[in-house]
Amino acid sequence: MDPRTYGYEEPLEALNVGDLVKVSISHWDSPPTICLGVVVQTVSNSKNKTLFPSVRVYNLETKKITREFIGSLKVVSKIVQ
């Protein structure tokens, strides 16, 4: 486990539709831009694990739906089901 998580974070595969996440958009010539987004679609393939799992996120600042790798996302708020 990463020592910076202090044991509070869930596995990234636990993302649900409606979760609020921080999206980091990388640029080659400047620091990354941090935006907020809402998860709109998850990959629900329980039999196979993918090498680079991703979700579709509606970015609240650019107002576009993009596919983001879950390793680059940080959960801000979760939907309780």
Protein backbone atom coordinates (compact mmCIF):
# COMPACT_ATOMS: atom_id res chain seq x y z
CA MET A 1 0.00 0.00 0.00
CA ASP A 2 1.19 3.48 -0.77
CA PRO A 3 2.27 5.09 2.54
CA ARG A 4 0.68 8.41 1.50
CA THR A 5 -2.84 6.96 1.51
CA TYR A 6 -2.90 6.32 5.28
CA GLY A 7 -5.21 3.37 4.67
CA TYR A 8 -8.32 5.48 3.93
CA GLU A 9 -8.60 5.13 0.17
CA GLU A 10 -10.59 2.40 -1.53
CA PRO A 11 -9.38 0.52 -4.60
CA LEU A 12 -9.79 2.62 -7.72
CA GLU A 13 -11.99 -0.08 -9.26
CA ALA A 14 -14.67 0.95 -6.73
CA LEU A 15 -15.67 4.00 -8.80
CA ASN A 16 -19.41 4.31 -9.43
CA VAL A 17 -21.47 6.40 -11.84
CA GLY A 18 -22.06 9.80 -10.25
CA ASP A 19 -18.82 10.00 -8.24
CA LEU A 20 -17.11 13.40 -8.23
CA VAL A 21 -13.44 13.11 -9.20
CA LYS A 22 -10.42 15.33 -9.81
CA VAL A 23 -9.13 15.05 -13.36
CA SER A 24 -5.54 15.98 -14.16
CA ILE A 25 -5.02 17.18 -17.75
CA SER A 26 -1.35 17.06 -18.74
CA HIS A 27 0.33 19.59 -21.00
CA TRP A 28 3.83 19.28 -22.46
CA ASP A 29 4.84 22.90 -21.95
CA SER A 30 3.05 23.81 -18.69
CA PRO A 31 1.98 22.29 -15.38
CA PRO A 32 -1.05 19.96 -15.40
CA THR A 33 -4.52 21.46 -15.13
CA ILE A 34 -6.71 20.09 -12.33
CA CYS A 35 -10.46 19.99 -13.09
CA LEU A 36 -13.50 18.41 -11.47
CA GLY A 37 -15.56 15.81 -13.26
CA VAL A 38 -18.41 13.34 -12.78
CA VAL A 39 -18.09 9.64 -13.66
CA VAL A 40 -20.73 8.87 -16.30
CA GLN A 41 -19.77 5.33 -17.35
CA THR A 42 -17.69 2.57 -15.80
CA VAL A 43 -16.31 -0.61 -17.28
CA SER A 44 -18.31 -3.46 -15.77
CA ASN A 45 -16.42 -6.49 -16.96
CA SER A 46 -16.06 -8.63 -13.85
CA LYS A 47 -14.45 -11.61 -15.61
CA ASN A 48 -11.48 -9.81 -17.11
CA LYS A 49 -9.09 -7.25 -15.68
CA THR A 50 -7.73 -4.71 -18.14
CA LEU A 51 -4.15 -3.51 -18.09
CA PHE A 52 -5.19 0.16 -18.09
CA PRO A 53 -8.73 0.41 -16.65
CA SER A 54 -10.59 3.56 -17.59
CA VAL A 55 -13.91 5.33 -17.03
CA ARG A 56 -15.79 7.99 -18.97
CA VAL A 57 -15.87 11.33 -17.14
CA TYR A 58 -17.89 14.49 -17.82
CA ASN A 59 -15.42 17.33 -17.23
CA LEU A 60 -17.25 20.21 -15.53
CA GLU A 61 -14.83 22.87 -16.84
CA THR A 62 -14.43 21.83 -20.48
CA LYS A 63 -18.00 20.45 -20.66
CA LYS A 64 -16.81 17.38 -22.60
CA ILE A 65 -17.00 13.66 -21.94
CA THR A 66 -13.56 12.04 -22.01
CA ARG A 67 -12.12 8.62 -21.25
CA GLU A 68 -9.75 8.84 -18.28
CA PHE A 69 -7.49 6.19 -16.82
CA ILE A 70 -8.46 5.55 -13.22
CA GLY A 71 -4.86 5.87 -12.09
CA SER A 72 -4.96 9.59 -12.91
CA LEU A 73 -8.21 10.26 -10.99
CA LYS A 74 -8.67 11.26 -7.36
CA VAL A 75 -12.09 10.68 -5.76
CA VAL A 76 -13.54 13.84 -4.18
CA SER A 77 -17.02 12.60 -3.29
CA LYS A 78 -18.79 9.25 -3.62
CA ILE A 79 -22.43 8.35 -4.22
CA VAL A 80 -23.84 6.23 -1.39
CA GLN A 81 -25.95 3.39 -2.70
